[in-house]
Amino acid sequence: MFVLSSVKPLWTQLIQQIVKDDLGEKVKVIGKDIPLPMPVWVDRPDEVGTDRVVSAAAAYAVVEGAVVVADFGTAVTIDLVDQHGAFQGGVIFPGFALSASILHEKTALLPQVTVTRPTEPLGKNTADAINCGLYFGAIGAMKRSSDATQRRSAHGPRWS
């Protein structure tokens, strides 16, 4: 038996078929065949990606208290688990590569950049300015999310 957490329905179907055809096994999907590993206290729990909930549950299991969970992929997600182990929601914004690509593709003159940790707080050329903007924008979002979370949580979150 295989257990899958996926936020891409076409890939989920493909993996299920491959595992069935090539391995003769069944796939159980988290959130469908297997319940989510923690309560999800948001307006529409069925819309929260299982990847976010599984990561949040793993972080809570390690920290054993309120925790902020950041995931940097195609999208950046920053989520809160409260001190009782309930997923409280979070923020989602474009990841570094996606943001850099969109700036390049949708503007006339901005270059394609690869985001790295800046050596200076301000860019002295266009590429460095984009790099600083994307990097420090993500850091700012993490800081702001953590600050807002600490005000909501009696025990304050920890980073995971």
C-alpha atoms as a PDB file:
ATOM      1  CA  MET A   1       0.000   0.000   0.000  1.00  0.00           C
ATOM      2  CA  PHE A   2       1.136   3.523  -0.788  1.00  0.00           C
ATOM      3  CA  VAL A   3      -0.021   6.763   0.832  1.00  0.00           C
ATOM      4  CA  LEU A   4      -0.055   9.930  -1.255  1.00  0.00           C
ATOM      5  CA  SER A   5      -0.434  13.601  -0.437  1.00  0.00           C
ATOM      6  CA  SER A   6      -0.860  15.598  -3.612  1.00  0.00           C
ATOM      7  CA  VAL A   7      -2.285  18.954  -4.642  1.00  0.00           C
ATOM      8  CA  LYS A   8      -2.222  18.181  -8.359  1.00  0.00           C
ATOM      9  CA  PRO A   9      -5.279  16.080  -9.319  1.00  0.00           C
ATOM     10  CA  LEU A  10      -3.864  14.936 -12.666  1.00  0.00           C
ATOM     11  CA  TRP A  11      -0.632  13.754 -11.000  1.00  0.00           C
ATOM     12  CA  THR A  12      -2.650  12.035  -8.281  1.00  0.00           C
ATOM     13  CA  GLN A  13      -4.587  10.053 -10.896  1.00  0.00           C
ATOM     14  CA  LEU A  14      -1.408   9.253 -12.813  1.00  0.00           C
ATOM     15  CA  ILE A  15       0.435   8.012  -9.720  1.00  0.00           C
ATOM     16  CA  GLN A  16      -2.550   5.923  -8.653  1.00  0.00           C
ATOM     17  CA  GLN A  17      -2.664   4.290 -12.092  1.00  0.00           C
ATOM     18  CA  ILE A  18       1.097   3.677 -12.231  1.00  0.00           C
ATOM     19  CA  VAL A  19       1.168   2.126  -8.751  1.00  0.00           C
ATOM     20  CA  LYS A  20      -1.817  -0.069  -9.605  1.00  0.00           C
ATOM     21  CA  ASP A  21      -0.554  -1.145 -13.061  1.00  0.00           C
ATOM     22  CA  ASP A  22       3.177  -1.457 -12.414  1.00  0.00           C
ATOM     23  CA  LEU A  23       3.276  -2.422  -8.752  1.00  0.00           C
ATOM     24  CA  GLY A  24      -0.088  -4.092  -8.239  1.00  0.00           C
ATOM     25  CA  GLU A  25      -0.704  -1.908  -5.204  1.00  0.00           C
ATOM     26  CA  LYS A  26      -3.392   0.492  -4.118  1.00  0.00           C
ATOM     27  CA  VAL A  27      -2.809   4.148  -3.248  1.00  0.00           C
ATOM     28  CA  LYS A  28      -4.618   5.813  -0.377  1.00  0.00           C
ATOM     29  CA  VAL A  29      -4.864   9.581  -0.707  1.00  0.00           C
ATOM     30  CA  ILE A  30      -4.593  11.801   2.370  1.00  0.00           C
ATOM     31  CA  GLY A  31      -7.704  13.913   2.736  1.00  0.00           C
ATOM     32  CA  LYS A  32      -9.786  11.466   0.709  1.00  0.00           C
ATOM     33  CA  ASP A  33      -9.064   7.898   1.861  1.00  0.00           C
ATOM     34  CA  ILE A  34      -7.113   8.891   4.968  1.00  0.00           C
ATOM     35  CA  PRO A  35      -8.326  11.688   7.256  1.00  0.00           C
ATOM     36  CA  LEU A  36      -6.243  14.819   7.607  1.00  0.00           C
ATOM     37  CA  PRO A  37      -3.796  14.461  10.506  1.00  0.00           C
ATOM     38  CA  MET A  38      -5.085  17.512  12.411  1.00  0.00           C
ATOM     39  CA  PRO A  39      -8.155  19.720  12.717  1.00  0.00           C
ATOM     40  CA  VAL A  40      -8.311  22.396  10.016  1.00  0.00           C
ATOM     41  CA  TRP A  41     -10.006  25.523  11.367  1.00  0.00           C
ATOM     42  CA  VAL A  42     -10.508  27.594   8.242  1.00  0.00           C
ATOM     43  CA  ASP A  43     -13.563  28.683   6.266  1.00  0.00           C
ATOM     44  CA  ARG A  44     -13.214  25.938   3.635  1.00  0.00           C
ATOM     45  CA  PRO A  45     -11.084  23.059   4.945  1.00  0.00           C
ATOM     46  CA  ASP A  46     -11.527  21.086   1.710  1.00  0.00           C
ATOM     47  CA  GLU A  47      -9.647  23.848  -0.180  1.00  0.00           C
ATOM     48  CA  VAL A  48      -6.482  23.643   1.929  1.00  0.00           C
ATOM     49  CA  GLY A  49      -3.778  21.630   0.199  1.00  0.00           C
ATOM     50  CA  THR A  50      -2.999  18.399   1.984  1.00  0.00           C
ATOM     51  CA  ASP A  51       0.698  19.194   1.509  1.00  0.00           C
ATOM     52  CA  ARG A  52       0.232  22.210   3.807  1.00  0.00           C
ATOM     53  CA  VAL A  53      -1.678  20.213   6.436  1.00  0.00           C
ATOM     54  CA  VAL A  54       0.776  17.292   6.420  1.00  0.00           C
ATOM     55  CA  SER A  55       3.737  19.686   6.797  1.00  0.00           C
ATOM     56  CA  ALA A  56       1.933  21.512   9.591  1.00  0.00           C
ATOM     57  CA  ALA A  57       1.176  18.256  11.400  1.00  0.00           C
ATOM     58  CA  ALA A  58       4.816  17.143  11.128  1.00  0.00           C
ATOM     59  CA  ALA A  59       6.048  20.498  12.477  1.00  0.00           C
ATOM     60  CA  TYR A  60       3.587  20.381  15.376  1.00  0.00           C
ATOM     61  CA  ALA A  61       4.643  16.807  16.208  1.00  0.00           C
ATOM     62  CA  VAL A  62       8.251  17.986  16.538  1.00  0.00           C
ATOM     63  CA  VAL A  63       7.660  21.327  18.282  1.00  0.00           C
ATOM     64  CA  GLU A  64       4.706  20.183  20.426  1.00  0.00           C
ATOM     65  CA  GLY A  65       3.351  23.728  20.506  1.00  0.00           C
ATOM     66  CA  ALA A  66       2.279  26.627  18.333  1.00  0.00           C
ATOM     67  CA  VAL A  67       4.398  26.744  15.198  1.00  0.00           C
ATOM     68  CA  VAL A  68       4.752  28.720  11.973  1.00  0.00           C
ATOM     69  CA  VAL A  69       5.520  26.511   8.977  1.00  0.00           C
ATOM     70  CA  ALA A  70       7.063  27.994   5.828  1.00  0.00           C
ATOM     71  CA  ASP A  71       7.367  26.127   2.538  1.00  0.00           C
ATOM     72  CA  PHE A  72       9.242  27.678  -0.388  1.00  0.00           C
ATOM     73  CA  GLY A  73       8.278  26.064  -3.675  1.00  0.00           C
ATOM     74  CA  THR A  74       6.419  27.211  -6.758  1.00  0.00           C
ATOM     75  CA  ALA A  75       4.290  29.041  -4.226  1.00  0.00           C
ATOM     76  CA  VAL A  76       5.397  30.144  -0.775  1.00  0.00           C
ATOM     77  CA  THR A  77       3.082  29.103   2.028  1.00  0.00           C
ATOM     78  CA  ILE A  78       3.379  30.320   5.594  1.00  0.00           C
ATOM     79  CA  ASP A  79       0.941  28.554   7.918  1.00  0.00           C
ATOM     80  CA  LEU A  80       0.091  28.569  11.615  1.00  0.00           C
ATOM     81  CA  VAL A  81      -0.661  25.661  13.892  1.00  0.00           C
ATOM     82  CA  ASP A  82      -1.974  26.792  17.266  1.00  0.00           C
ATOM     83  CA  GLN A  83      -0.876  25.481  20.664  1.00  0.00           C
ATOM     84  CA  HIS A  84      -3.687  22.876  20.544  1.00  0.00           C
ATOM     85  CA  GLY A  85      -2.501  21.355  17.269  1.00  0.00           C
ATOM     86  CA  ALA A  86      -5.113  22.897  14.977  1.00  0.00           C
ATOM     87  CA  PHE A  87      -4.260  24.291  11.552  1.00  0.00           C
ATOM     88  CA  GLN A  88      -5.367  27.934  11.645  1.00  0.00           C
ATOM     89  CA  GLY A  89      -4.636  29.031   8.078  1.00  0.00           C
ATOM     90  CA  GLY A  90      -1.872  31.017   6.488  1.00  0.00           C
ATOM     91  CA  VAL A  91      -0.677  33.031   3.543  1.00  0.00           C
ATOM     92  CA  ILE A  92       0.200  32.015  -0.009  1.00  0.00           C
ATOM     93  CA  PHE A  93       2.191  34.021  -2.500  1.00  0.00           C
ATOM     94  CA  PRO A  94       4.262  33.291  -5.611  1.00  0.00           C
ATOM     95  CA  GLY A  95       7.598  31.576  -5.024  1.00  0.00           C
ATOM     96  CA  PHE A  96      10.955  33.084  -5.886  1.00  0.00           C
ATOM     97  CA  ALA A  97      11.334  31.503  -9.330  1.00  0.00           C
ATOM     98  CA  LEU A  98       7.736  32.193 -10.332  1.00  0.00           C
ATOM     99  CA  SER A  99       7.938  35.820  -9.203  1.00  0.00           C
ATOM    100  CA  ALA A 100      11.234  36.386 -10.995  1.00  0.00           C
ATOM    101  CA  SER A 101       9.911  34.781 -14.183  1.00  0.00           C
ATOM    102  CA  ILE A 102       6.713  36.824 -14.191  1.00  0.00           C
ATOM    103  CA  LEU A 103       8.645  40.063 -13.697  1.00  0.00           C
ATOM    104  CA  HIS A 104      10.840  39.152 -16.653  1.00  0.00           C
ATOM    105  CA  GLU A 105       8.011  37.898 -18.896  1.00  0.00           C
ATOM    106  CA  LYS A 106       5.418  40.585 -18.172  1.00  0.00           C
ATOM    107  CA  THR A 107       7.636  43.672 -18.234  1.00  0.00           C
ATOM    108  CA  ALA A 108       9.504  45.211 -21.118  1.00  0.00           C
ATOM    109  CA  LEU A 109      13.006  45.472 -19.706  1.00  0.00           C
ATOM    110  CA  LEU A 110      13.405  43.591 -16.437  1.00  0.00           C
ATOM    111  CA  PRO A 111      15.939  40.756 -16.645  1.00  0.00           C
ATOM    112  CA  GLN A 112      15.477  37.174 -15.505  1.00  0.00           C
ATOM    113  CA  VAL A 113      17.142  36.676 -12.112  1.00  0.00           C
ATOM    114  CA  THR A 114      17.812  33.783  -9.780  1.00  0.00           C
ATOM    115  CA  VAL A 115      17.006  34.789  -6.222  1.00  0.00           C
ATOM    116  CA  THR A 116      19.881  34.467  -3.762  1.00  0.00           C
ATOM    117  CA  ARG A 117      20.608  35.909  -0.344  1.00  0.00           C
ATOM    118  CA  PRO A 118      21.561  39.555  -1.003  1.00  0.00           C
ATOM    119  CA  THR A 119      24.870  40.880   0.267  1.00  0.00           C
ATOM    120  CA  GLU A 120      23.429  44.400   0.593  1.00  0.00           C
ATOM    121  CA  PRO A 121      20.001  45.658   1.680  1.00  0.00           C
ATOM    122  CA  LEU A 122      19.468  47.633  -1.550  1.00  0.00           C
ATOM    123  CA  GLY A 123      20.164  46.710  -5.139  1.00  0.00           C
ATOM    124  CA  LYS A 124      22.554  49.000  -6.992  1.00  0.00           C
ATOM    125  CA  ASN A 125      21.442  47.639 -10.377  1.00  0.00           C
ATOM    126  CA  THR A 126      18.183  46.261 -11.744  1.00  0.00           C
ATOM    127  CA  ALA A 127      18.983  42.575 -11.233  1.00  0.00           C
ATOM    128  CA  ASP A 128      20.117  43.166  -7.636  1.00  0.00           C
ATOM    129  CA  ALA A 129      17.048  45.337  -6.968  1.00  0.00           C
ATOM    130  CA  ILE A 130      14.754  42.522  -8.139  1.00  0.00           C
ATOM    131  CA  ASN A 131      16.717  40.021  -6.048  1.00  0.00           C
ATOM    132  CA  CYS A 132      16.472  42.224  -2.939  1.00  0.00           C
ATOM    133  CA  GLY A 133      12.779  42.866  -3.514  1.00  0.00           C
ATOM    134  CA  LEU A 134      11.874  39.209  -3.831  1.00  0.00           C
ATOM    135  CA  TYR A 135      14.159  38.015  -1.036  1.00  0.00           C
ATOM    136  CA  PHE A 136      13.294  40.682   1.526  1.00  0.00           C
ATOM    137  CA  GLY A 137       9.627  40.550   0.515  1.00  0.00           C
ATOM    138  CA  ALA A 138       9.530  36.880   1.521  1.00  0.00           C
ATOM    139  CA  ILE A 139      11.423  37.582   4.755  1.00  0.00           C
ATOM    140  CA  GLY A 140       8.989  40.406   5.504  1.00  0.00           C
ATOM    141  CA  ALA A 141       6.004  38.133   4.917  1.00  0.00           C
ATOM    142  CA  MET A 142       7.454  35.539   7.295  1.00  0.00           C
ATOM    143  CA  LYS A 143       8.153  38.182   9.952  1.00  0.00           C
ATOM    144  CA  ARG A 144       4.707  39.740   9.605  1.00  0.00           C
ATOM    145  CA  SER A 145       2.986  36.344   9.766  1.00  0.00           C
ATOM    146  CA  SER A 146       4.986  35.376  12.830  1.00  0.00           C
ATOM    147  CA  ASP A 147       4.236  38.690  14.573  1.00  0.00           C
ATOM    148  CA  ALA A 148       0.512  38.433  13.852  1.00  0.00           C
ATOM    149  CA  THR A 149       0.516  34.848  15.032  1.00  0.00           C
ATOM    150  CA  GLN A 150       2.226  35.690  18.316  1.00  0.00           C
ATOM    151  CA  ARG A 151      -0.516  38.199  19.073  1.00  0.00           C
ATOM    152  CA  ARG A 152      -3.162  35.505  18.475  1.00  0.00           C
ATOM    153  CA  SER A 153      -1.453  32.667  20.305  1.00  0.00           C
ATOM    154  CA  ALA A 154      -1.009  32.701  24.051  1.00  0.00           C
ATOM    155  CA  HIS A 155       2.129  30.585  23.784  1.00  0.00           C
ATOM    156  CA  GLY A 156       3.604  32.130  20.629  1.00  0.00           C
ATOM    157  CA  PRO A 157       4.667  30.120  17.609  1.00  0.00           C
ATOM    158  CA  ARG A 158       8.020  28.629  16.864  1.00  0.00           C
ATOM    159  CA  TRP A 159       9.515  28.368  13.408  1.00  0.00           C
ATOM    160  CA  SER A 160       9.745  25.026  11.665  1.00  0.00           C
END
